[in-house]
Amino acid sequence: MFRNQYDTDVTVWSPEGRLLQVEYAMESVKQGSACVGVRSNSIVVLAALKRSVSELSSHQKKLMQVDDHIACGIAGLTADARSLVKYMQKECLNHKYVYGVSMPPHRLMADLADKHQLTTQTYVRRPFGVGLLIAAVEDNGEPHLYQTCPSGNLYEFYASAIGSRSQSARTYLEKHYATFPDMATDDLIVHALQALVGCVSGDNELTVDNASVSIISATEKVKILEGADLTQYLSKLETKNDDDAGEEEEAKEGGDEPQAMET
């Protein structure tokens, strides 16, 4: 029995009860550049790692604004993400036109999850090969951080990371998320970027060129920071990295060499 006998169509079940085409779409999310999301009691911060196809090209945008109170970060196929973002923008505009108020984030997320799930039930469509981290704020000021999946699953997190090498970021967030609820905006941004540092591949570094940050709160609309605006936050990361390097040197001198985490 060969695996490829059951992955020619999204509606074909394998004997193990799996939809292989959906799993392949979920794998494309793991291949995309990383995106990190964290939230406090009043603020949601998204941080994304941008990629460029060559040294001669610009970096692709990974953070997009949906509405004044909703922003999203992407990991996976950028073209699929643009399609979904346009869908969400239209839904928000239609709701505001009909009802005169901003669309509740939980309702938009339910519609988005249904749109994802619909592609897994019909053979004429393929699943969206992209995962989204969505930051949103309710009218009452309550912040939310959602994560979508090509399978149609929808999750809400205190902190999360998706994309390539994102396990390193999730490990960092698991150690620090308990301190996020009462944290100031600048400190929350530093934590998001510090988590993103572990997702950078090879000898590359997190710089003003390949990093971007989105901030949203009850008192401010979506704000995206790029380029020179990130300098003050990245400089704090360098200090933390130096401290970590010093601790590693001390550990080596102590005898046992620490093992690097495989991501």
C-alpha atoms as a PDB file:
ATOM      1  CA  MET A   1       0.000   0.000   0.000  1.00  0.00           C
ATOM      2  CA  PHE A   2       1.526   3.272  -1.130  1.00  0.00           C
ATOM      3  CA  ARG A   3       0.914   6.650   0.445  1.00  0.00           C
ATOM      4  CA  ASN A   4       0.448   8.378  -2.912  1.00  0.00           C
ATOM      5  CA  GLN A   5      -2.610   6.274  -3.698  1.00  0.00           C
ATOM      6  CA  TYR A   6      -4.604   8.485  -1.339  1.00  0.00           C
ATOM      7  CA  ASP A   7      -3.149  11.966  -1.856  1.00  0.00           C
ATOM      8  CA  THR A   8      -4.367  12.676  -5.390  1.00  0.00           C
ATOM      9  CA  ASP A   9      -7.520  14.415  -4.180  1.00  0.00           C
ATOM     10  CA  VAL A  10      -8.355  16.418  -1.061  1.00  0.00           C
ATOM     11  CA  THR A  11     -11.605  14.499  -0.531  1.00  0.00           C
ATOM     12  CA  VAL A  12      -9.988  11.024  -0.460  1.00  0.00           C
ATOM     13  CA  TRP A  13      -9.483   9.490   2.963  1.00  0.00           C
ATOM     14  CA  SER A  14      -6.484   7.283   3.637  1.00  0.00           C
ATOM     15  CA  PRO A  15      -6.993   3.969   5.495  1.00  0.00           C
ATOM     16  CA  GLU A  16      -5.591   5.677   8.610  1.00  0.00           C
ATOM     17  CA  GLY A  17      -8.379   8.284   8.510  1.00  0.00           C
ATOM     18  CA  ARG A  18      -6.228  11.151   7.216  1.00  0.00           C
ATOM     19  CA  LEU A  19      -6.643  13.745   4.479  1.00  0.00           C
ATOM     20  CA  LEU A  20      -3.141  13.818   3.048  1.00  0.00           C
ATOM     21  CA  GLN A  21      -3.670  16.897   0.871  1.00  0.00           C
ATOM     22  CA  VAL A  22      -4.633  18.866   3.983  1.00  0.00           C
ATOM     23  CA  GLU A  23      -1.526  17.622   5.758  1.00  0.00           C
ATOM     24  CA  TYR A  24       0.599  18.741   2.814  1.00  0.00           C
ATOM     25  CA  ALA A  25      -0.961  22.216   3.082  1.00  0.00           C
ATOM     26  CA  MET A  26      -0.116  22.283   6.776  1.00  0.00           C
ATOM     27  CA  GLU A  27       3.455  21.360   5.877  1.00  0.00           C
ATOM     28  CA  SER A  28       3.708  24.435   3.659  1.00  0.00           C
ATOM     29  CA  VAL A  29       3.009  26.551   6.742  1.00  0.00           C
ATOM     30  CA  LYS A  30       6.042  24.978   8.451  1.00  0.00           C
ATOM     31  CA  GLN A  31       8.193  25.952   5.456  1.00  0.00           C
ATOM     32  CA  GLY A  32       7.207  29.638   5.580  1.00  0.00           C
ATOM     33  CA  SER A  33       9.161  32.322   7.395  1.00  0.00           C
ATOM     34  CA  ALA A  34       8.345  32.559  11.086  1.00  0.00           C
ATOM     35  CA  CYS A  35       5.759  34.771  12.723  1.00  0.00           C
ATOM     36  CA  VAL A  36       5.370  35.351  16.475  1.00  0.00           C
ATOM     37  CA  GLY A  37       2.401  36.723  18.385  1.00  0.00           C
ATOM     38  CA  VAL A  38       2.148  37.782  22.047  1.00  0.00           C
ATOM     39  CA  ARG A  39      -0.515  39.618  24.020  1.00  0.00           C
ATOM     40  CA  SER A  40      -0.947  41.337  27.361  1.00  0.00           C
ATOM     41  CA  ASN A  41      -4.129  42.480  29.073  1.00  0.00           C
ATOM     42  CA  SER A  42      -4.424  45.446  26.704  1.00  0.00           C
ATOM     43  CA  ILE A  43      -1.996  45.011  23.785  1.00  0.00           C
ATOM     44  CA  VAL A  44      -1.287  42.479  21.049  1.00  0.00           C
ATOM     45  CA  VAL A  45       2.105  42.401  19.296  1.00  0.00           C
ATOM     46  CA  LEU A  46       2.981  40.491  16.137  1.00  0.00           C
ATOM     47  CA  ALA A  47       6.579  40.057  14.960  1.00  0.00           C
ATOM     48  CA  ALA A  48       7.474  38.518  11.606  1.00  0.00           C
ATOM     49  CA  LEU A  49      10.636  37.479   9.810  1.00  0.00           C
ATOM     50  CA  LYS A  50      10.715  38.726   6.216  1.00  0.00           C
ATOM     51  CA  ARG A  51      12.468  36.889   3.386  1.00  0.00           C
ATOM     52  CA  SER A  52      13.911  38.055   0.092  1.00  0.00           C
ATOM     53  CA  VAL A  53      14.314  35.754  -2.896  1.00  0.00           C
ATOM     54  CA  SER A  54      17.739  37.212  -3.652  1.00  0.00           C
ATOM     55  CA  GLU A  55      20.098  39.978  -2.631  1.00  0.00           C
ATOM     56  CA  LEU A  56      18.726  42.083  -5.482  1.00  0.00           C
ATOM     57  CA  SER A  57      15.091  41.919  -4.339  1.00  0.00           C
ATOM     58  CA  SER A  58      13.156  43.570  -1.570  1.00  0.00           C
ATOM     59  CA  HIS A  59      11.757  41.642   1.398  1.00  0.00           C
ATOM     60  CA  GLN A  60       8.210  40.303   1.223  1.00  0.00           C
ATOM     61  CA  LYS A  61       5.739  41.834   3.648  1.00  0.00           C
ATOM     62  CA  LYS A  62       4.540  39.390   6.298  1.00  0.00           C
ATOM     63  CA  LEU A  63       2.312  41.678   8.384  1.00  0.00           C
ATOM     64  CA  MET A  64      -0.918  43.063   6.925  1.00  0.00           C
ATOM     65  CA  GLN A  65      -3.675  45.316   8.233  1.00  0.00           C
ATOM     66  CA  VAL A  66      -7.222  43.997   7.930  1.00  0.00           C
ATOM     67  CA  ASP A  67      -9.085  46.789   9.730  1.00  0.00           C
ATOM     68  CA  ASP A  68      -8.378  49.471  12.308  1.00  0.00           C
ATOM     69  CA  HIS A  69      -8.720  46.854  15.054  1.00  0.00           C
ATOM     70  CA  ILE A  70      -7.392  43.736  13.269  1.00  0.00           C
ATOM     71  CA  ALA A  71      -3.951  42.815  11.871  1.00  0.00           C
ATOM     72  CA  CYS A  72      -2.439  39.507  10.776  1.00  0.00           C
ATOM     73  CA  GLY A  73       0.914  37.839  10.272  1.00  0.00           C
ATOM     74  CA  ILE A  74       1.428  35.045   7.762  1.00  0.00           C
ATOM     75  CA  ALA A  75       3.513  31.892   7.330  1.00  0.00           C
ATOM     76  CA  GLY A  76       3.254  29.892   4.122  1.00  0.00           C
ATOM     77  CA  LEU A  77       2.184  30.876   0.618  1.00  0.00           C
ATOM     78  CA  THR A  78       2.054  34.673   0.438  1.00  0.00           C
ATOM     79  CA  ALA A  79      -0.344  34.657  -2.522  1.00  0.00           C
ATOM     80  CA  ASP A  80      -2.860  32.579  -0.565  1.00  0.00           C
ATOM     81  CA  ALA A  81      -2.480  34.946   2.368  1.00  0.00           C
ATOM     82  CA  ARG A  82      -3.245  37.982   0.195  1.00  0.00           C
ATOM     83  CA  SER A  83      -6.449  36.295  -0.970  1.00  0.00           C
ATOM     84  CA  LEU A  84      -7.562  35.620   2.595  1.00  0.00           C
ATOM     85  CA  VAL A  85      -6.656  39.126   3.760  1.00  0.00           C
ATOM     86  CA  LYS A  86      -8.729  40.644   0.951  1.00  0.00           C
ATOM     87  CA  TYR A  87     -11.638  38.424   1.995  1.00  0.00           C
ATOM     88  CA  MET A  88     -11.375  39.628   5.598  1.00  0.00           C
ATOM     89  CA  GLN A  89     -11.095  43.264   4.511  1.00  0.00           C
ATOM     90  CA  LYS A  90     -14.276  42.953   2.425  1.00  0.00           C
ATOM     91  CA  GLU A  91     -16.129  41.303   5.304  1.00  0.00           C
ATOM     92  CA  CYS A  92     -15.101  44.104   7.672  1.00  0.00           C
ATOM     93  CA  LEU A  93     -16.128  46.798   5.179  1.00  0.00           C
ATOM     94  CA  ASN A  94     -19.499  45.160   4.503  1.00  0.00           C
ATOM     95  CA  HIS A  95     -20.234  44.794   8.222  1.00  0.00           C
ATOM     96  CA  LYS A  96     -19.325  48.420   8.916  1.00  0.00           C
ATOM     97  CA  TYR A  97     -21.472  49.602   5.987  1.00  0.00           C
ATOM     98  CA  VAL A  98     -24.537  47.607   7.064  1.00  0.00           C
ATOM     99  CA  TYR A  99     -24.356  47.949  10.855  1.00  0.00           C
ATOM    100  CA  GLY A 100     -22.279  51.112  11.303  1.00  0.00           C
ATOM    101  CA  VAL A 101     -19.835  49.472  13.717  1.00  0.00           C
ATOM    102  CA  SER A 102     -16.625  47.469  13.421  1.00  0.00           C
ATOM    103  CA  MET A 103     -16.966  43.744  12.878  1.00  0.00           C
ATOM    104  CA  PRO A 104     -16.509  41.668  16.065  1.00  0.00           C
ATOM    105  CA  PRO A 105     -13.235  39.720  15.752  1.00  0.00           C
ATOM    106  CA  HIS A 106     -14.752  36.412  16.914  1.00  0.00           C
ATOM    107  CA  ARG A 107     -17.350  36.540  14.151  1.00  0.00           C
ATOM    108  CA  LEU A 108     -14.733  37.255  11.485  1.00  0.00           C
ATOM    109  CA  MET A 109     -12.572  34.402  12.793  1.00  0.00           C
ATOM    110  CA  ALA A 110     -15.495  31.973  12.616  1.00  0.00           C
ATOM    111  CA  ASP A 111     -16.167  32.973   8.998  1.00  0.00           C
ATOM    112  CA  LEU A 112     -12.470  32.632   8.149  1.00  0.00           C
ATOM    113  CA  ALA A 113     -12.281  29.160   9.704  1.00  0.00           C
ATOM    114  CA  ASP A 114     -15.344  28.120   7.692  1.00  0.00           C
ATOM    115  CA  LYS A 115     -13.658  29.382   4.514  1.00  0.00           C
ATOM    116  CA  HIS A 116     -10.592  27.266   5.309  1.00  0.00           C
ATOM    117  CA  GLN A 117     -12.680  24.210   6.096  1.00  0.00           C
ATOM    118  CA  LEU A 118     -14.800  24.482   2.936  1.00  0.00           C
ATOM    119  CA  THR A 119     -11.753  23.791   0.759  1.00  0.00           C
ATOM    120  CA  THR A 120     -11.260  20.424   2.490  1.00  0.00           C
ATOM    121  CA  GLN A 121     -14.712  19.165   1.453  1.00  0.00           C
ATOM    122  CA  THR A 122     -14.742  19.774  -2.283  1.00  0.00           C
ATOM    123  CA  TYR A 123     -12.493  18.409  -4.992  1.00  0.00           C
ATOM    124  CA  VAL A 124     -12.576  21.594  -7.096  1.00  0.00           C
ATOM    125  CA  ARG A 125     -10.542  23.569  -4.533  1.00  0.00           C
ATOM    126  CA  ARG A 126      -7.256  22.956  -2.820  1.00  0.00           C
ATOM    127  CA  PRO A 127      -6.617  23.904   0.834  1.00  0.00           C
ATOM    128  CA  PHE A 128      -5.027  27.293   1.516  1.00  0.00           C
ATOM    129  CA  GLY A 129      -1.325  26.720   2.092  1.00  0.00           C
ATOM    130  CA  VAL A 130      -0.945  29.416   4.710  1.00  0.00           C
ATOM    131  CA  GLY A 131      -1.284  29.845   8.463  1.00  0.00           C
ATOM    132  CA  LEU A 132      -2.321  33.141  10.015  1.00  0.00           C
ATOM    133  CA  LEU A 133      -1.664  34.764  13.379  1.00  0.00           C
ATOM    134  CA  ILE A 134      -4.373  37.374  13.840  1.00  0.00           C
ATOM    135  CA  ALA A 135      -4.251  40.159  16.417  1.00  0.00           C
ATOM    136  CA  ALA A 136      -7.543  41.815  17.270  1.00  0.00           C
ATOM    137  CA  VAL A 137      -9.142  44.068  19.877  1.00  0.00           C
ATOM    138  CA  GLU A 138     -12.823  44.093  20.844  1.00  0.00           C
ATOM    139  CA  ASP A 139     -14.832  47.298  21.234  1.00  0.00           C
ATOM    140  CA  ASN A 140     -14.531  46.899  25.006  1.00  0.00           C
ATOM    141  CA  GLY A 141     -10.714  46.859  24.724  1.00  0.00           C
ATOM    142  CA  GLU A 142     -10.215  43.113  25.236  1.00  0.00           C
ATOM    143  CA  PRO A 143      -7.275  41.837  23.131  1.00  0.00           C
ATOM    144  CA  HIS A 144      -7.226  38.520  21.264  1.00  0.00           C
ATOM    145  CA  LEU A 145      -4.585  36.462  19.467  1.00  0.00           C
ATOM    146  CA  TYR A 146      -5.948  33.860  17.051  1.00  0.00           C
ATOM    147  CA  GLN A 147      -4.235  31.218  14.926  1.00  0.00           C
ATOM    148  CA  THR A 148      -5.769  29.615  11.847  1.00  0.00           C
ATOM    149  CA  CYS A 149      -4.818  26.367  10.133  1.00  0.00           C
ATOM    150  CA  PRO A 150      -5.359  25.039   6.560  1.00  0.00           C
ATOM    151  CA  SER A 151      -7.535  22.299   8.061  1.00  0.00           C
ATOM    152  CA  GLY A 152     -10.075  24.876   9.261  1.00  0.00           C
ATOM    153  CA  ASN A 153      -9.110  24.676  12.938  1.00  0.00           C
ATOM    154  CA  LEU A 154      -9.154  27.930  14.893  1.00  0.00           C
ATOM    155  CA  TYR A 155      -7.238  28.525  18.122  1.00  0.00           C
ATOM    156  CA  GLU A 156      -6.833  31.395  20.570  1.00  0.00           C
ATOM    157  CA  PHE A 157      -3.489  31.865  22.355  1.00  0.00           C
ATOM    158  CA  TYR A 158      -1.743  33.966  24.951  1.00  0.00           C
ATOM    159  CA  ALA A 159       1.375  33.639  22.790  1.00  0.00           C
ATOM    160  CA  SER A 160       2.198  31.558  19.726  1.00  0.00           C
ATOM    161  CA  ALA A 161       4.605  31.133  16.823  1.00  0.00           C
ATOM    162  CA  ILE A 162       4.210  29.570  13.380  1.00  0.00           C
ATOM    163  CA  GLY A 163       6.508  28.946  10.446  1.00  0.00           C
ATOM    164  CA  SER A 164       9.991  27.588   9.911  1.00  0.00           C
ATOM    165  CA  ARG A 165      12.051  26.923  13.073  1.00  0.00           C
ATOM    166  CA  SER A 166       9.152  28.198  15.178  1.00  0.00           C
ATOM    167  CA  GLN A 167       9.647  25.544  17.864  1.00  0.00           C
ATOM    168  CA  SER A 168      12.514  27.602  19.244  1.00  0.00           C
ATOM    169  CA  ALA A 169      10.219  30.622  19.551  1.00  0.00           C
ATOM    170  CA  ARG A 170       7.482  28.579  21.233  1.00  0.00           C
ATOM    171  CA  THR A 171       9.994  27.262  23.766  1.00  0.00           C
ATOM    172  CA  TYR A 172      11.001  30.818  24.615  1.00  0.00           C
ATOM    173  CA  LEU A 173       7.369  31.942  24.890  1.00  0.00           C
ATOM    174  CA  GLU A 174       6.472  29.041  27.178  1.00  0.00           C
ATOM    175  CA  LYS A 175       9.149  30.220  29.612  1.00  0.00           C
ATOM    176  CA  HIS A 176       8.038  33.864  29.667  1.00  0.00           C
ATOM    177  CA  TYR A 177       4.337  34.099  28.772  1.00  0.00           C
ATOM    178  CA  ALA A 178       3.268  34.267  32.435  1.00  0.00           C
ATOM    179  CA  THR A 179       4.876  37.716  32.688  1.00  0.00           C
ATOM    180  CA  PHE A 180       3.090  39.131  29.624  1.00  0.00           C
ATOM    181  CA  PRO A 181      -0.341  40.177  31.054  1.00  0.00           C
ATOM    182  CA  ASP A 182       0.888  43.316  32.877  1.00  0.00           C
ATOM    183  CA  MET A 183       3.832  44.074  30.595  1.00  0.00           C
ATOM    184  CA  ALA A 184       4.435  47.463  28.953  1.00  0.00           C
ATOM    185  CA  THR A 185       4.359  47.823  25.175  1.00  0.00           C
ATOM    186  CA  ASP A 186       8.117  48.241  24.683  1.00  0.00           C
ATOM    187  CA  ASP A 187       8.939  45.199  26.813  1.00  0.00           C
ATOM    188  CA  LEU A 188       6.349  43.102  24.971  1.00  0.00           C
ATOM    189  CA  ILE A 189       7.909  44.071  21.626  1.00  0.00           C
ATOM    190  CA  VAL A 190      11.360  43.070  22.884  1.00  0.00           C
ATOM    191  CA  HIS A 191      10.058  39.658  23.976  1.00  0.00           C
ATOM    192  CA  ALA A 192       8.386  39.098  20.597  1.00  0.00           C
ATOM    193  CA  LEU A 193      11.599  39.954  18.753  1.00  0.00           C
ATOM    194  CA  GLN A 194      13.701  37.878  21.148  1.00  0.00           C
ATOM    195  CA  ALA A 195      11.505  34.869  20.399  1.00  0.00           C
ATOM    196  CA  LEU A 196      11.919  35.570  16.692  1.00  0.00           C
ATOM    197  CA  VAL A 197      15.727  35.532  16.996  1.00  0.00           C
ATOM    198  CA  GLY A 198      15.667  31.762  17.446  1.00  0.00           C
ATOM    199  CA  CYS A 199      13.848  31.369  14.123  1.00  0.00           C
ATOM    200  CA  VAL A 200      16.594  33.003  12.055  1.00  0.00           C
ATOM    201  CA  SER A 201      18.428  30.349  10.051  1.00  0.00           C
ATOM    202  CA  GLY A 202      22.154  29.816   9.743  1.00  0.00           C
ATOM    203  CA  ASP A 203      24.527  32.681  10.457  1.00  0.00           C
ATOM    204  CA  ASN A 204      21.928  35.325   9.609  1.00  0.00           C
ATOM    205  CA  GLU A 205      20.832  37.894  12.157  1.00  0.00           C
ATOM    206  CA  LEU A 206      17.629  39.728  12.937  1.00  0.00           C
ATOM    207  CA  THR A 207      18.005  43.217  11.453  1.00  0.00           C
ATOM    208  CA  VAL A 208      15.899  46.239  10.570  1.00  0.00           C
ATOM    209  CA  ASP A 209      15.677  44.869   7.026  1.00  0.00           C
ATOM    210  CA  ASN A 210      14.235  41.421   7.742  1.00  0.00           C
ATOM    211  CA  ALA A 211      12.093  42.141  10.819  1.00  0.00           C
ATOM    212  CA  SER A 212       8.714  43.814  11.192  1.00  0.00           C
ATOM    213  CA  VAL A 213       6.395  44.400  14.140  1.00  0.00           C
ATOM    214  CA  SER A 214       2.694  45.181  14.394  1.00  0.00           C
ATOM    215  CA  ILE A 215       1.079  46.691  17.501  1.00  0.00           C
ATOM    216  CA  ILE A 216      -2.617  46.990  18.289  1.00  0.00           C
ATOM    217  CA  SER A 217      -4.378  48.130  21.450  1.00  0.00           C
ATOM    218  CA  ALA A 218      -7.713  49.510  22.588  1.00  0.00           C
ATOM    219  CA  THR A 219      -6.429  53.094  22.405  1.00  0.00           C
ATOM    220  CA  GLU A 220      -4.432  52.875  19.168  1.00  0.00           C
ATOM    221  CA  LYS A 221      -5.179  51.592  15.691  1.00  0.00           C
ATOM    222  CA  VAL A 222      -2.988  49.032  13.957  1.00  0.00           C
ATOM    223  CA  LYS A 223       0.587  50.295  13.767  1.00  0.00           C
ATOM    224  CA  ILE A 224       3.322  48.515  11.807  1.00  0.00           C
ATOM    225  CA  LEU A 225       6.968  49.175  12.684  1.00  0.00           C
ATOM    226  CA  GLU A 226       9.694  48.531  10.118  1.00  0.00           C
ATOM    227  CA  GLY A 227      13.160  49.765   9.263  1.00  0.00           C
ATOM    228  CA  ALA A 228      14.671  52.411  11.548  1.00  0.00           C
ATOM    229  CA  ASP A 229      11.684  52.269  13.914  1.00  0.00           C
ATOM    230  CA  LEU A 230      12.954  48.891  15.160  1.00  0.00           C
ATOM    231  CA  THR A 231      16.488  50.041  15.975  1.00  0.00           C
ATOM    232  CA  GLN A 232      15.792  50.820  19.639  1.00  0.00           C
ATOM    233  CA  TYR A 233      14.276  47.375  20.204  1.00  0.00           C
ATOM    234  CA  LEU A 234      16.928  45.421  18.295  1.00  0.00           C
ATOM    235  CA  SER A 235      19.658  47.130  20.299  1.00  0.00           C
ATOM    236  CA  LYS A 236      18.138  45.657  23.469  1.00  0.00           C
ATOM    237  CA  LEU A 237      18.253  42.206  21.876  1.00  0.00           C
ATOM    238  CA  GLU A 238      21.987  42.524  21.281  1.00  0.00           C
ATOM    239  CA  THR A 239      22.532  43.098  24.991  1.00  0.00           C
ATOM    240  CA  LYS A 240      20.474  40.030  25.860  1.00  0.00           C
ATOM    241  CA  ASN A 241      22.319  37.938  23.297  1.00  0.00           C
ATOM    242  CA  ASP A 242      25.632  39.025  24.754  1.00  0.00           C
ATOM    243  CA  ASP A 243      24.468  37.963  28.213  1.00  0.00           C
ATOM    244  CA  ASP A 244      23.399  34.573  26.861  1.00  0.00           C
ATOM    245  CA  ALA A 245      26.785  34.135  25.192  1.00  0.00           C
ATOM    246  CA  GLY A 246      28.497  34.907  28.484  1.00  0.00           C
ATOM    247  CA  GLU A 247      26.422  32.322  30.296  1.00  0.00           C
ATOM    248  CA  GLU A 248      27.309  29.707  27.670  1.00  0.00           C
ATOM    249  CA  GLU A 249      31.010  30.447  28.103  1.00  0.00           C
ATOM    250  CA  GLU A 250      30.672  30.023  31.868  1.00  0.00           C
ATOM    251  CA  ALA A 251      28.876  26.717  31.352  1.00  0.00           C
ATOM    252  CA  LYS A 252      31.644  25.463  29.079  1.00  0.00           C
ATOM    253  CA  GLU A 253      34.282  26.390  31.630  1.00  0.00           C
ATOM    254  CA  GLY A 254      32.295  24.465  34.221  1.00  0.00           C
ATOM    255  CA  GLY A 255      32.825  21.218  32.311  1.00  0.00           C
ATOM    256  CA  ASP A 256      29.534  20.213  30.688  1.00  0.00           C
ATOM    257  CA  GLU A 257      28.976  21.581  27.228  1.00  0.00           C
ATOM    258  CA  PRO A 258      25.345  22.647  26.637  1.00  0.00           C
ATOM    259  CA  GLN A 259      23.602  20.935  23.741  1.00  0.00           C
ATOM    260  CA  ALA A 260      22.004  23.069  21.070  1.00  0.00           C
ATOM    261  CA  MET A 261      18.287  22.626  20.453  1.00  0.00           C
ATOM    262  CA  GLU A 262      17.448  21.162  17.052  1.00  0.00           C
ATOM    263  CA  THR A 263      14.738  23.174  15.293  1.00  0.00           C
END
